[in-house]
C-alpha atoms as a PDB file:
ATOM      1  CA  MET A   1     162.881 107.222  83.343  1.00  0.00           C
ATOM      2  CA  ILE A   2     163.084 110.143  85.787  1.00  0.00           C
ATOM      3  CA  ASP A   3     166.403 110.496  87.561  1.00  0.00           C
ATOM      4  CA  TYR A   4     165.074 111.333  91.005  1.00  0.00           C
ATOM      5  CA  GLU A   5     168.514 111.917  92.502  1.00  0.00           C
ATOM      6  CA  LYS A   6     169.452 114.534  89.899  1.00  0.00           C
ATOM      7  CA  LYS A   7     165.997 116.083  90.155  1.00  0.00           C
ATOM      8  CA  SER A   8     166.355 116.490  93.911  1.00  0.00           C
ATOM      9  CA  ILE A   9     169.785 118.106  93.622  1.00  0.00           C
ATOM     10  CA  TYR A  10     168.573 120.405  90.849  1.00  0.00           C
ATOM     11  CA  GLU A  11     165.544 121.501  92.886  1.00  0.00           C
ATOM     12  CA  ARG A  12     167.673 122.295  95.919  1.00  0.00           C
ATOM     13  CA  LEU A  13     170.147 124.303  93.857  1.00  0.00           C
ATOM     14  CA  ILE A  14     167.314 126.282  92.258  1.00  0.00           C
ATOM     15  CA  SER A  15     165.811 126.860  95.710  1.00  0.00           C
ATOM     16  CA  ASN A  16     169.117 128.269  96.996  1.00  0.00           C
ATOM     17  CA  VAL A  17     169.389 130.583  93.982  1.00  0.00           C
ATOM     18  CA  PHE A  18     165.891 131.930  94.623  1.00  0.00           C
ATOM     19  CA  LYS A  19     166.676 132.438  98.307  1.00  0.00           C
ATOM     20  CA  LEU A  20     169.824 134.376  97.414  1.00  0.00           C
ATOM     21  CA  GLY A  21     167.864 136.450  94.917  1.00  0.00           C
ATOM     22  CA  GLY A  22     165.235 137.195  97.564  1.00  0.00           C
ATOM     23  CA  LEU A  23     167.892 138.349 100.042  1.00  0.00           C
ATOM     24  CA  VAL A  24     169.502 140.634  97.436  1.00  0.00           C
ATOM     25  CA  ALA A  25     166.108 142.044  96.462  1.00  0.00           C
ATOM     26  CA  ALA A  26     165.190 142.675 100.105  1.00  0.00           C
ATOM     27  CA  GLY A  27     168.508 144.412 100.759  1.00  0.00           C
ATOM     28  CA  THR A  28     168.201 146.574  97.668  1.00  0.00           C
ATOM     29  CA  LEU A  29     164.651 147.595  98.551  1.00  0.00           C
ATOM     30  CA  GLY A  30     165.726 148.321 102.116  1.00  0.00           C
ATOM     31  CA  PHE A  31     168.436 150.778 101.074  1.00  0.00           C
ATOM     32  CA  VAL A  32     166.073 152.439  98.603  1.00  0.00           C
ATOM     33  CA  LEU A  33     163.410 152.983 101.283  1.00  0.00           C
ATOM     34  CA  ILE A  34     165.679 153.768 104.249  1.00  0.00           C
ATOM     35  CA  GLU A  35     168.396 155.808 102.549  1.00  0.00           C
ATOM     36  CA  GLY A  36     166.519 156.985  99.466  1.00  0.00           C
ATOM     37  CA  TRP A  37     169.312 155.760  97.171  1.00  0.00           C
ATOM     38  CA  GLU A  38     169.047 154.964  93.518  1.00  0.00           C
ATOM     39  CA  PRO A  39     168.337 151.244  92.802  1.00  0.00           C
ATOM     40  CA  LEU A  40     171.815 150.687  91.298  1.00  0.00           C
ATOM     41  CA  ASP A  41     173.574 152.170  94.359  1.00  0.00           C
ATOM     42  CA  ALA A  42     171.290 150.146  96.644  1.00  0.00           C
ATOM     43  CA  LEU A  43     172.063 146.931  94.703  1.00  0.00           C
ATOM     44  CA  PHE A  44     175.807 147.677  94.795  1.00  0.00           C
ATOM     45  CA  MET A  45     175.704 148.226  98.562  1.00  0.00           C
ATOM     46  CA  THR A  46     173.650 145.056  99.105  1.00  0.00           C
ATOM     47  CA  VAL A  47     176.051 142.857  97.147  1.00  0.00           C
ATOM     48  CA  MET A  48     179.068 144.340  98.963  1.00  0.00           C
ATOM     49  CA  THR A  49     177.425 143.802 102.342  1.00  0.00           C
ATOM     50  CA  ILE A  50     176.374 140.196 101.682  1.00  0.00           C
ATOM     51  CA  THR A  51     179.763 139.254 100.215  1.00  0.00           C
ATOM     52  CA  THR A  52     181.618 141.264 102.927  1.00  0.00           C
ATOM     53  CA  VAL A  53     183.904 142.732 100.239  1.00  0.00           C
ATOM     54  CA  GLY A  54     184.006 146.112 101.957  1.00  0.00           C
ATOM     55  CA  PHE A  55     184.771 148.596  99.138  1.00  0.00           C
ATOM     56  CA  GLY A  56     182.937 151.273 101.088  1.00  0.00           C
ATOM     57  CA  GLU A  57     179.400 152.578 100.804  1.00  0.00           C
ATOM     58  CA  PRO A  58     178.520 154.724  97.738  1.00  0.00           C
ATOM     59  CA  HIS A  59     176.863 157.305 100.039  1.00  0.00           C
ATOM     60  CA  PRO A  60     177.135 158.085 103.764  1.00  0.00           C
ATOM     61  CA  LEU A  61     174.797 156.039 105.972  1.00  0.00           C
ATOM     62  CA  ASP A  62     172.589 157.434 108.715  1.00  0.00           C
ATOM     63  CA  ASP A  63     171.887 155.508 111.916  1.00  0.00           C
ATOM     64  CA  ASN A  64     168.954 153.583 110.438  1.00  0.00           C
ATOM     65  CA  GLY A  65     171.056 152.679 107.412  1.00  0.00           C
ATOM     66  CA  LYS A  66     173.893 151.429 109.619  1.00  0.00           C
ATOM     67  CA  ILE A  67     171.510 149.245 111.660  1.00  0.00           C
ATOM     68  CA  PHE A  68     169.995 147.830 108.448  1.00  0.00           C
ATOM     69  CA  THR A  69     173.489 147.175 107.058  1.00  0.00           C
ATOM     70  CA  ILE A  70     174.470 145.270 110.196  1.00  0.00           C
ATOM     71  CA  LEU A  71     171.341 143.120 109.985  1.00  0.00           C
ATOM     72  CA  LEU A  72     171.880 142.503 106.278  1.00  0.00           C
ATOM     73  CA  MET A  73     175.504 141.536 106.878  1.00  0.00           C
ATOM     74  CA  LEU A  74     174.521 139.016 109.576  1.00  0.00           C
ATOM     75  CA  ALA A  75     171.817 137.597 107.339  1.00  0.00           C
ATOM     76  CA  GLY A  76     174.291 137.363 104.454  1.00  0.00           C
ATOM     77  CA  ILE A  77     176.900 135.545 106.528  1.00  0.00           C
ATOM     78  CA  GLY A  78     174.261 133.127 107.846  1.00  0.00           C
ATOM     79  CA  PHE A  79     172.960 132.461 104.362  1.00  0.00           C
ATOM     80  CA  VAL A  80     176.447 131.833 102.960  1.00  0.00           C
ATOM     81  CA  LEU A  81     177.132 129.322 105.745  1.00  0.00           C
ATOM     82  CA  TYR A  82     173.791 127.665 104.978  1.00  0.00           C
ATOM     83  CA  ILE A  83     174.640 127.451 101.273  1.00  0.00           C
ATOM     84  CA  LEU A  84     178.055 125.946 101.988  1.00  0.00           C
ATOM     85  CA  SER A  85     176.615 123.322 104.352  1.00  0.00           C
ATOM     86  CA  ASP A  86     173.916 122.468 101.821  1.00  0.00           C
ATOM     87  CA  ILE A  87     176.505 122.075  99.065  1.00  0.00           C
ATOM     88  CA  VAL A  88     178.536 119.728 101.270  1.00  0.00           C
ATOM     89  CA  GLU A  89     175.386 117.732 102.022  1.00  0.00           C
ATOM     90  CA  LEU A  90     174.539 117.539  98.319  1.00  0.00           C
ATOM     91  CA  LEU A  91     178.029 116.249  97.538  1.00  0.00           C
ATOM     92  CA  ILE A  92     177.767 113.637 100.288  1.00  0.00           C
ATOM     93  CA  GLU A  93     174.353 112.508  99.050  1.00  0.00           C
ATOM     94  CA  ALA A  94     175.549 112.360  95.460  1.00  0.00           C
ATOM     95  CA  ASN A  95     178.550 110.261  96.491  1.00  0.00           C
ATOM     96  CA  ARG A  96     176.341 107.988  98.609  1.00  0.00           C
ATOM     97  CA  GLY A  97     173.972 107.597  95.668  1.00  0.00           C
ATOM     98  CA  ARG A  98     176.824 106.605  93.356  1.00  0.00           C
ATOM     99  CA  LEU A  99     178.121 104.128  95.924  1.00  0.00           C
ATOM    100  CA  MET A 100     174.646 102.623  96.347  1.00  0.00           C
ATOM    101  CA  LYS A 101     174.179 102.239  92.593  1.00  0.00           C
ATOM    102  CA  HIS A 102     177.623 100.637  92.377  1.00  0.00           C
ATOM    103  CA  LYS A 103     176.562  98.059  95.013  1.00  0.00           C
ATOM    104  CA  ILE A 104     173.239  97.421  93.252  1.00  0.00           C
ATOM    105  CA  VAL A 105     175.016  96.750  89.950  1.00  0.00           C
ATOM    106  CA  LYS A 106     176.977  93.955  91.656  1.00  0.00           C
ATOM    107  CA  LEU A 107     173.875  92.203  93.039  1.00  0.00           C
ATOM    108  CA  THR A 108     173.122  88.668  91.892  1.00  0.00           C
ATOM    109  CA  ASP A 109     170.670  85.996  93.117  1.00  0.00           C
ATOM    110  CA  HIS A 110     168.999  88.700  95.170  1.00  0.00           C
ATOM    111  CA  GLN A 111     165.421  89.691  95.935  1.00  0.00           C
ATOM    112  CA  ILE A 112     163.665  92.874  94.791  1.00  0.00           C
ATOM    113  CA  VAL A 113     161.177  94.310  97.277  1.00  0.00           C
ATOM    114  CA  CYS A 114     158.631  96.582  95.590  1.00  0.00           C
ATOM    115  CA  GLY A 115     157.262  99.018  98.140  1.00  0.00           C
ATOM    116  CA  TYR A 116     158.607 100.003 101.557  1.00  0.00           C
ATOM    117  CA  GLY A 117     155.296 100.361 103.369  1.00  0.00           C
ATOM    118  CA  ARG A 118     154.420  98.298 106.433  1.00  0.00           C
ATOM    119  CA  THR A 119     154.501  95.026 104.505  1.00  0.00           C
ATOM    120  CA  GLY A 120     157.682  95.898 102.620  1.00  0.00           C
ATOM    121  CA  GLN A 121     159.426  96.971 105.818  1.00  0.00           C
ATOM    122  CA  GLU A 122     158.655  93.649 107.498  1.00  0.00           C
ATOM    123  CA  VAL A 123     159.876  91.733 104.429  1.00  0.00           C
ATOM    124  CA  ALA A 124     163.086  93.778 104.450  1.00  0.00           C
ATOM    125  CA  GLU A 125     163.673  93.104 108.148  1.00  0.00           C
ATOM    126  CA  GLN A 126     163.248  89.364 107.624  1.00  0.00           C
ATOM    127  CA  PHE A 127     165.686  89.461 104.723  1.00  0.00           C
ATOM    128  CA  ILE A 128     168.189  91.284 106.917  1.00  0.00           C
ATOM    129  CA  ILE A 129     167.787  88.714 109.705  1.00  0.00           C
ATOM    130  CA  ASN A 130     168.262  85.821 107.265  1.00  0.00           C
ATOM    131  CA  LYS A 131     171.125  87.599 105.441  1.00  0.00           C
ATOM    132  CA  ILE A 132     169.366  87.547 102.072  1.00  0.00           C
ATOM    133  CA  PRO A 133     170.656  90.178  99.604  1.00  0.00           C
ATOM    134  CA  PHE A 134     167.930  92.499  98.349  1.00  0.00           C
ATOM    135  CA  VAL A 135     167.132  95.930  96.987  1.00  0.00           C
ATOM    136  CA  VAL A 136     164.032  98.023  97.689  1.00  0.00           C
ATOM    137  CA  VAL A 137     162.164  99.932  94.967  1.00  0.00           C
ATOM    138  CA  GLU A 138     160.085 102.751  96.455  1.00  0.00           C
ATOM    139  CA  GLN A 139     158.342 105.687  94.794  1.00  0.00           C
ATOM    140  CA  ASP A 140     157.681 107.771  97.906  1.00  0.00           C
ATOM    141  CA  PRO A 141     160.711 109.995  98.775  1.00  0.00           C
ATOM    142  CA  GLU A 142     160.162 109.810 102.544  1.00  0.00           C
ATOM    143  CA  ARG A 143     159.901 106.011 102.608  1.00  0.00           C
ATOM    144  CA  ALA A 144     162.909 105.717 100.318  1.00  0.00           C
ATOM    145  CA  ARG A 145     164.802 107.952 102.737  1.00  0.00           C
ATOM    146  CA  GLN A 146     163.769 105.720 105.659  1.00  0.00           C
ATOM    147  CA  ALA A 147     165.081 102.650 103.858  1.00  0.00           C
ATOM    148  CA  GLU A 148     168.337 104.405 103.065  1.00  0.00           C
ATOM    149  CA  LEU A 149     168.803 105.464 106.698  1.00  0.00           C
ATOM    150  CA  ARG A 150     168.225 101.828 107.671  1.00  0.00           C
ATOM    151  CA  GLY A 151     171.243 100.944 105.537  1.00  0.00           C
ATOM    152  CA  ILE A 152     169.156  99.266 102.850  1.00  0.00           C
ATOM    153  CA  LEU A 153     169.932  99.429  99.135  1.00  0.00           C
ATOM    154  CA  VAL A 154     167.082 101.413  97.603  1.00  0.00           C
ATOM    155  CA  LEU A 155     166.066 102.693  94.190  1.00  0.00           C
ATOM    156  CA  MET A 156     163.538 105.502  94.017  1.00  0.00           C
ATOM    157  CA  GLY A 157     161.009 105.070  91.243  1.00  0.00           C
ATOM    158  CA  ASP A 158     158.028 103.163  89.885  1.00  0.00           C
ATOM    159  CA  ALA A 159     158.528  99.403  90.245  1.00  0.00           C
ATOM    160  CA  SER A 160     156.433  98.786  87.131  1.00  0.00           C
ATOM    161  CA  ASP A 161     158.896 100.814  85.053  1.00  0.00           C
ATOM    162  CA  ASP A 162     161.113  98.585  82.891  1.00  0.00           C
ATOM    163  CA  ASP A 163     164.148 100.821  83.397  1.00  0.00           C
ATOM    164  CA  ILE A 164     163.797 100.792  87.192  1.00  0.00           C
ATOM    165  CA  LEU A 165     163.555  96.983  87.307  1.00  0.00           C
ATOM    166  CA  ILE A 166     166.529  96.676  84.961  1.00  0.00           C
ATOM    167  CA  GLU A 167     168.472  99.057  87.215  1.00  0.00           C
ATOM    168  CA  ALA A 168     167.522  96.810  90.154  1.00  0.00           C
ATOM    169  CA  GLN A 169     169.292  93.991  88.262  1.00  0.00           C
ATOM    170  CA  LEU A 170     166.089  92.020  87.606  1.00  0.00           C
ATOM    171  CA  THR A 171     167.828  89.812  85.054  1.00  0.00           C
ATOM    172  CA  ASN A 172     170.242  88.648  87.792  1.00  0.00           C
ATOM    173  CA  ALA A 173     167.653  88.514  90.576  1.00  0.00           C
ATOM    174  CA  LYS A 174     166.311  85.373  92.173  1.00  0.00           C
ATOM    175  CA  GLY A 175     162.887  86.728  93.040  1.00  0.00           C
ATOM    176  CA  ILE A 176     160.673  89.762  93.416  1.00  0.00           C
ATOM    177  CA  VAL A 177     158.250  90.648  96.209  1.00  0.00           C
ATOM    178  CA  CYS A 178     155.260  92.802  95.242  1.00  0.00           C
ATOM    179  CA  ALA A 179     154.400  94.474  98.548  1.00  0.00           C
ATOM    180  CA  LEU A 180     152.300  97.405  97.333  1.00  0.00           C
ATOM    181  CA  PRO A 181     148.801  97.895  98.813  1.00  0.00           C
ATOM    182  CA  ASP A 182     147.194  98.108  95.351  1.00  0.00           C
ATOM    183  CA  ASP A 183     146.517  94.708  93.738  1.00  0.00           C
ATOM    184  CA  ARG A 184     146.450  96.201  90.237  1.00  0.00           C
ATOM    185  CA  GLN A 185     149.890  97.710  90.718  1.00  0.00           C
ATOM    186  CA  ASN A 186     151.238  94.389  91.991  1.00  0.00           C
ATOM    187  CA  ALA A 187     149.762  92.587  88.978  1.00  0.00           C
ATOM    188  CA  PHE A 188     151.283  95.110  86.583  1.00  0.00           C
ATOM    189  CA  ILE A 189     154.678  94.757  88.270  1.00  0.00           C
ATOM    190  CA  ALA A 190     154.433  90.966  87.935  1.00  0.00           C
ATOM    191  CA  ILE A 191     153.610  91.209  84.233  1.00  0.00           C
ATOM    192  CA  THR A 192     156.495  93.639  83.671  1.00  0.00           C
ATOM    193  CA  ALA A 193     158.932  91.470  85.626  1.00  0.00           C
ATOM    194  CA  LYS A 194     157.948  88.295  83.746  1.00  0.00           C
ATOM    195  CA  GLY A 195     158.396  90.123  80.469  1.00  0.00           C
ATOM    196  CA  LEU A 196     161.963  91.017  81.416  1.00  0.00           C
ATOM    197  CA  ASN A 197     162.875  87.736  83.112  1.00  0.00           C
ATOM    198  CA  GLU A 198     160.539  84.795  82.574  1.00  0.00           C
ATOM    199  CA  LYS A 199     162.376  82.717  85.200  1.00  0.00           C
ATOM    200  CA  ILE A 200     161.950  85.240  88.012  1.00  0.00           C
ATOM    201  CA  ASP A 201     160.131  83.939  91.096  1.00  0.00           C
ATOM    202  CA  ILE A 202     157.331  86.309  92.142  1.00  0.00           C
ATOM    203  CA  VAL A 203     155.367  86.490  95.376  1.00  0.00           C
ATOM    204  CA  SER A 204     152.786  89.157  96.055  1.00  0.00           C
ATOM    205  CA  ARG A 205     150.464  90.466  98.731  1.00  0.00           C
ATOM    206  CA  ALA A 206     146.797  90.856  97.914  1.00  0.00           C
ATOM    207  CA  ALA A 207     144.564  93.352  99.665  1.00  0.00           C
ATOM    208  CA  ASN A 208     141.522  91.651  98.150  1.00  0.00           C
ATOM    209  CA  PRO A 209     141.362  87.834  98.400  1.00  0.00           C
ATOM    210  CA  GLY A 210     139.484  87.833  95.090  1.00  0.00           C
ATOM    211  CA  SER A 211     142.617  89.113  93.345  1.00  0.00           C
ATOM    212  CA  GLU A 212     144.543  85.877  93.894  1.00  0.00           C
ATOM    213  CA  ALA A 213     143.520  84.279  90.588  1.00  0.00           C
ATOM    214  CA  LYS A 214     144.362  87.422  88.607  1.00  0.00           C
ATOM    215  CA  LEU A 215     147.768  87.767  90.255  1.00  0.00           C
ATOM    216  CA  LYS A 216     148.604  84.134  89.512  1.00  0.00           C
ATOM    217  CA  ARG A 217     147.622  84.622  85.882  1.00  0.00           C
ATOM    218  CA  ALA A 218     150.052  87.549  85.887  1.00  0.00           C
ATOM    219  CA  GLY A 219     152.867  85.156  86.828  1.00  0.00           C
ATOM    220  CA  VAL A 220     152.824  85.306  90.630  1.00  0.00           C
ATOM    221  CA  ARG A 221     153.810  81.989  92.205  1.00  0.00           C
ATOM    222  CA  MET A 222     152.375  82.662  95.652  1.00  0.00           C
ATOM    223  CA  VAL A 223     149.780  85.211  96.760  1.00  0.00           C
ATOM    224  CA  ILE A 224     149.592  86.240 100.414  1.00  0.00           C
ATOM    225  CA  SER A 225     146.509  87.951 101.794  1.00  0.00           C
ATOM    226  CA  PRO A 226     147.460  89.600 105.111  1.00  0.00           C
ATOM    227  CA  TYR A 227     143.830  89.872 106.183  1.00  0.00           C
ATOM    228  CA  VAL A 228     143.127  86.184 105.609  1.00  0.00           C
ATOM    229  CA  ILE A 229     146.329  85.145 107.387  1.00  0.00           C
ATOM    230  CA  CYS A 230     145.611  87.484 110.283  1.00  0.00           C
ATOM    231  CA  GLY A 231     142.112  86.049 110.679  1.00  0.00           C
ATOM    232  CA  LYS A 232     143.357  82.467 110.616  1.00  0.00           C
ATOM    233  CA  ARG A 233     146.113  83.225 113.147  1.00  0.00           C
ATOM    234  CA  LEU A 234     143.675  84.953 115.478  1.00  0.00           C
ATOM    235  CA  ALA A 235     141.333  81.978 115.332  1.00  0.00           C
ATOM    236  CA  ALA A 236     144.205  79.491 115.746  1.00  0.00           C
ATOM    237  CA  SER A 237     145.494  81.343 118.814  1.00  0.00           C
ATOM    238  CA  ILE A 238     142.199  80.428 120.478  1.00  0.00           C
ATOM    239  CA  THR A 239     141.518  76.973 119.026  1.00  0.00           C
ATOM    240  CA  HIS A 240     145.159  75.747 119.030  1.00  0.00           C
ATOM    241  CA  PRO A 241     147.148  78.058 121.332  1.00  0.00           C
ATOM    242  CA  LEU A 242     150.112  75.701 121.879  1.00  0.00           C
ATOM    243  CA  VAL A 243     150.520  75.070 118.139  1.00  0.00           C
ATOM    244  CA  THR A 244     150.436  78.821 117.478  1.00  0.00           C
ATOM    245  CA  GLU A 245     153.011  79.470 120.180  1.00  0.00           C
ATOM    246  CA  PHE A 246     155.290  76.754 118.800  1.00  0.00           C
ATOM    247  CA  LEU A 247     155.076  78.169 115.263  1.00  0.00           C
ATOM    248  CA  ASP A 248     155.828  81.650 116.590  1.00  0.00           C
ATOM    249  CA  VAL A 249     158.978  80.296 118.213  1.00  0.00           C
ATOM    250  CA  VAL A 250     160.317  78.432 115.189  1.00  0.00           C
ATOM    251  CA  MET A 251     159.276  80.977 112.555  1.00  0.00           C
ATOM    252  CA  HIS A 252     159.329  84.419 114.165  1.00  0.00           C
ATOM    253  CA  ALA A 253     161.931  84.371 116.942  1.00  0.00           C
ATOM    254  CA  PRO A 254     165.367  85.001 115.370  1.00  0.00           C
ATOM    255  CA  GLY A 255     167.194  84.795 118.674  1.00  0.00           C
ATOM    256  CA  HIS A 256     165.654  81.451 119.636  1.00  0.00           C
ATOM    257  CA  GLU A 257     167.684  78.264 119.320  1.00  0.00           C
ATOM    258  CA  LEU A 258     165.015  76.262 117.483  1.00  0.00           C
ATOM    259  CA  ARG A 259     164.050  77.221 113.930  1.00  0.00           C
ATOM    260  CA  MET A 260     162.511  75.843 110.744  1.00  0.00           C
ATOM    261  CA  GLU A 261     164.359  76.195 107.441  1.00  0.00           C
ATOM    262  CA  GLN A 262     164.699  74.650 103.986  1.00  0.00           C
ATOM    263  CA  VAL A 263     167.904  73.429 102.350  1.00  0.00           C
ATOM    264  CA  ALA A 264     168.327  72.447  98.689  1.00  0.00           C
ATOM    265  CA  ILE A 265     170.407  69.434  97.676  1.00  0.00           C
ATOM    266  CA  LYS A 266     173.156  70.361  95.198  1.00  0.00           C
ATOM    267  CA  GLU A 267     174.378  68.292  92.267  1.00  0.00           C
ATOM    268  CA  ARG A 268     177.578  67.004  93.908  1.00  0.00           C
ATOM    269  CA  SER A 269     176.096  66.319  97.338  1.00  0.00           C
ATOM    270  CA  THR A 270     176.709  62.956  98.965  1.00  0.00           C
ATOM    271  CA  LEU A 271     172.985  62.856  99.728  1.00  0.00           C
ATOM    272  CA  VAL A 272     172.090  62.360  96.052  1.00  0.00           C
ATOM    273  CA  GLY A 273     170.943  58.773  95.445  1.00  0.00           C
ATOM    274  CA  ARG A 274     170.754  57.952  99.145  1.00  0.00           C
ATOM    275  CA  THR A 275     167.603  57.228 101.119  1.00  0.00           C
ATOM    276  CA  LEU A 276     166.478  59.222 104.130  1.00  0.00           C
ATOM    277  CA  LYS A 277     167.299  56.237 106.317  1.00  0.00           C
ATOM    278  CA  ASP A 278     170.824  55.737 104.911  1.00  0.00           C
ATOM    279  CA  ALA A 279     171.659  59.447 104.969  1.00  0.00           C
ATOM    280  CA  ASN A 280     171.449  59.603 108.770  1.00  0.00           C
ATOM    281  CA  ILE A 281     170.697  63.321 108.586  1.00  0.00           C
ATOM    282  CA  ARG A 282     169.386  63.520 112.142  1.00  0.00           C
ATOM    283  CA  GLN A 283     172.494  61.828 113.510  1.00  0.00           C
ATOM    284  CA  THR A 284     175.061  63.721 111.412  1.00  0.00           C
ATOM    285  CA  SER A 285     173.546  67.210 111.490  1.00  0.00           C
ATOM    286  CA  GLY A 286     170.941  67.275 114.249  1.00  0.00           C
ATOM    287  CA  VAL A 287     168.166  68.446 111.919  1.00  0.00           C
ATOM    288  CA  MET A 288     164.820  66.657 111.998  1.00  0.00           C
ATOM    289  CA  ILE A 289     163.433  66.352 108.451  1.00  0.00           C
ATOM    290  CA  LEU A 290     159.747  67.282 108.426  1.00  0.00           C
ATOM    291  CA  ALA A 291     159.073  67.343 104.688  1.00  0.00           C
ATOM    292  CA  VAL A 292     160.751  67.102 101.284  1.00  0.00           C
ATOM    293  CA  ASN A 293     159.869  69.069  98.172  1.00  0.00           C
ATOM    294  CA  GLN A 294     160.605  66.640  95.352  1.00  0.00           C
ATOM    295  CA  ASN A 295     159.838  67.426  91.710  1.00  0.00           C
ATOM    296  CA  GLY A 296     157.379  70.102  92.761  1.00  0.00           C
ATOM    297  CA  LYS A 297     155.517  67.770  95.129  1.00  0.00           C
ATOM    298  CA  LEU A 298     155.629  68.425  98.866  1.00  0.00           C
ATOM    299  CA  ILE A 299     156.052  65.159 100.750  1.00  0.00           C
ATOM    300  CA  THR A 300     155.234  65.509 104.452  1.00  0.00           C
ATOM    301  CA  ASN A 301     156.456  62.975 107.007  1.00  0.00           C
ATOM    302  CA  PRO A 302     158.677  61.343 104.346  1.00  0.00           C
ATOM    303  CA  SER A 303     159.253  57.606 104.345  1.00  0.00           C
ATOM    304  CA  PRO A 304     162.698  56.323 105.433  1.00  0.00           C
ATOM    305  CA  ASP A 305     162.974  54.740 101.963  1.00  0.00           C
ATOM    306  CA  LEU A 306     162.612  58.084 100.167  1.00  0.00           C
ATOM    307  CA  THR A 307     165.569  58.553  97.793  1.00  0.00           C
ATOM    308  CA  PHE A 308     167.060  62.024  97.482  1.00  0.00           C
ATOM    309  CA  GLY A 309     167.776  63.642  94.131  1.00  0.00           C
ATOM    310  CA  VAL A 310     169.402  66.813  92.840  1.00  0.00           C
ATOM    311  CA  GLY A 311     167.263  69.866  93.557  1.00  0.00           C
ATOM    312  CA  ASP A 312     165.239  68.282  96.351  1.00  0.00           C
ATOM    313  CA  GLU A 313     164.472  70.737  99.120  1.00  0.00           C
ATOM    314  CA  LEU A 314     164.638  69.491 102.687  1.00  0.00           C
ATOM    315  CA  ILE A 315     162.409  71.187 105.239  1.00  0.00           C
ATOM    316  CA  GLY A 316     163.629  70.582 108.736  1.00  0.00           C
ATOM    317  CA  LEU A 317     163.582  71.632 112.369  1.00  0.00           C
ATOM    318  CA  GLY A 318     166.726  72.359 114.351  1.00  0.00           C
ATOM    319  CA  ALA A 319     169.210  74.896 115.651  1.00  0.00           C
ATOM    320  CA  GLN A 320     171.176  77.245 113.406  1.00  0.00           C
ATOM    321  CA  GLN A 321     174.411  75.275 113.832  1.00  0.00           C
ATOM    322  CA  ASP A 322     172.513  72.122 112.830  1.00  0.00           C
ATOM    323  CA  PHE A 323     171.342  73.744 109.609  1.00  0.00           C
ATOM    324  CA  ASP A 324     174.912  74.839 108.914  1.00  0.00           C
ATOM    325  CA  LYS A 325     175.936  71.185 109.023  1.00  0.00           C
ATOM    326  CA  LEU A 326     172.991  70.173 106.851  1.00  0.00           C
ATOM    327  CA  GLY A 327     173.946  72.866 104.331  1.00  0.00           C
ATOM    328  CA  GLN A 328     177.409  71.299 104.085  1.00  0.00           C
ATOM    329  CA  LEU A 329     175.936  67.840 103.565  1.00  0.00           C
ATOM    330  CA  ALA A 330     173.617  69.146 100.871  1.00  0.00           C
ATOM    331  CA  SER A 331     176.380  70.826  98.885  1.00  0.00           C
ATOM    332  CA  ARG A 332     179.643  68.961  99.386  1.00  0.00           C
ATOM    333  CA  THR A 333     180.910  65.865  97.612  1.00  0.00           C
END
């Protein structure tokens, strides 16, 4: 595994050394050409000027030499200030990197977002809105920097690399989102992730609708094709405009009162063993139950006689405070 953080710091340090060497070489050559000094005397004068030591010049300077010395001194002071500021920035970045890795190590039941392109950015924003812990894995330095500036936990590297996924705490993660534009890369990430954690839940985008079967064979639970969804939504906005508007409100408007969410029933919940009718969920929480995922089967418009069990997922419609109450009912004894 390549340590991108160390590589970046190393490259910047090497760059500063070369810049300093170039300034010394330019100063030495300048004194040789302007004053006609020997290279050693010219080098000695250049180093003294840049470092502002001030031992005195080895030979008297003429007017051109004095002007060149002044310019070299100003350039030296500016370069030293630049080096110092860059060193401070490197230290800050190194400390921020250590802090970020320390936070990533503590993650559990989180999501891993592979790729911070347009799809990955939207996934990250939705996770932020819904307060879902996650970490982004991005190979492009500029996109990784954008995620970091957004305050997002990010690892820079190849998401199909075992070490990177392990560093992203895959074994403790709840799920992984393959948001790369290349279907083959997403499939390879899914295979790698399943090999490290066979229980991990994987969802993936697919640029080509024909890749859905291959991605599912790779272990992906759900495949989303943005082009297919976009086409269906465009058509629905014309054929069923009110339905589309309603779904936009409940699914894509975080500041709106009404929303659609899912809540899982815990082992010690008072809802376990009770029917939908007896539970009085609408009266006690305010949430309207639209469907129930029971034993892997999605039951829409559930019957009042439906009996709840541990692990059932309730899909409902209501306000955020209503779902808070439902969450308490689904988890408390």
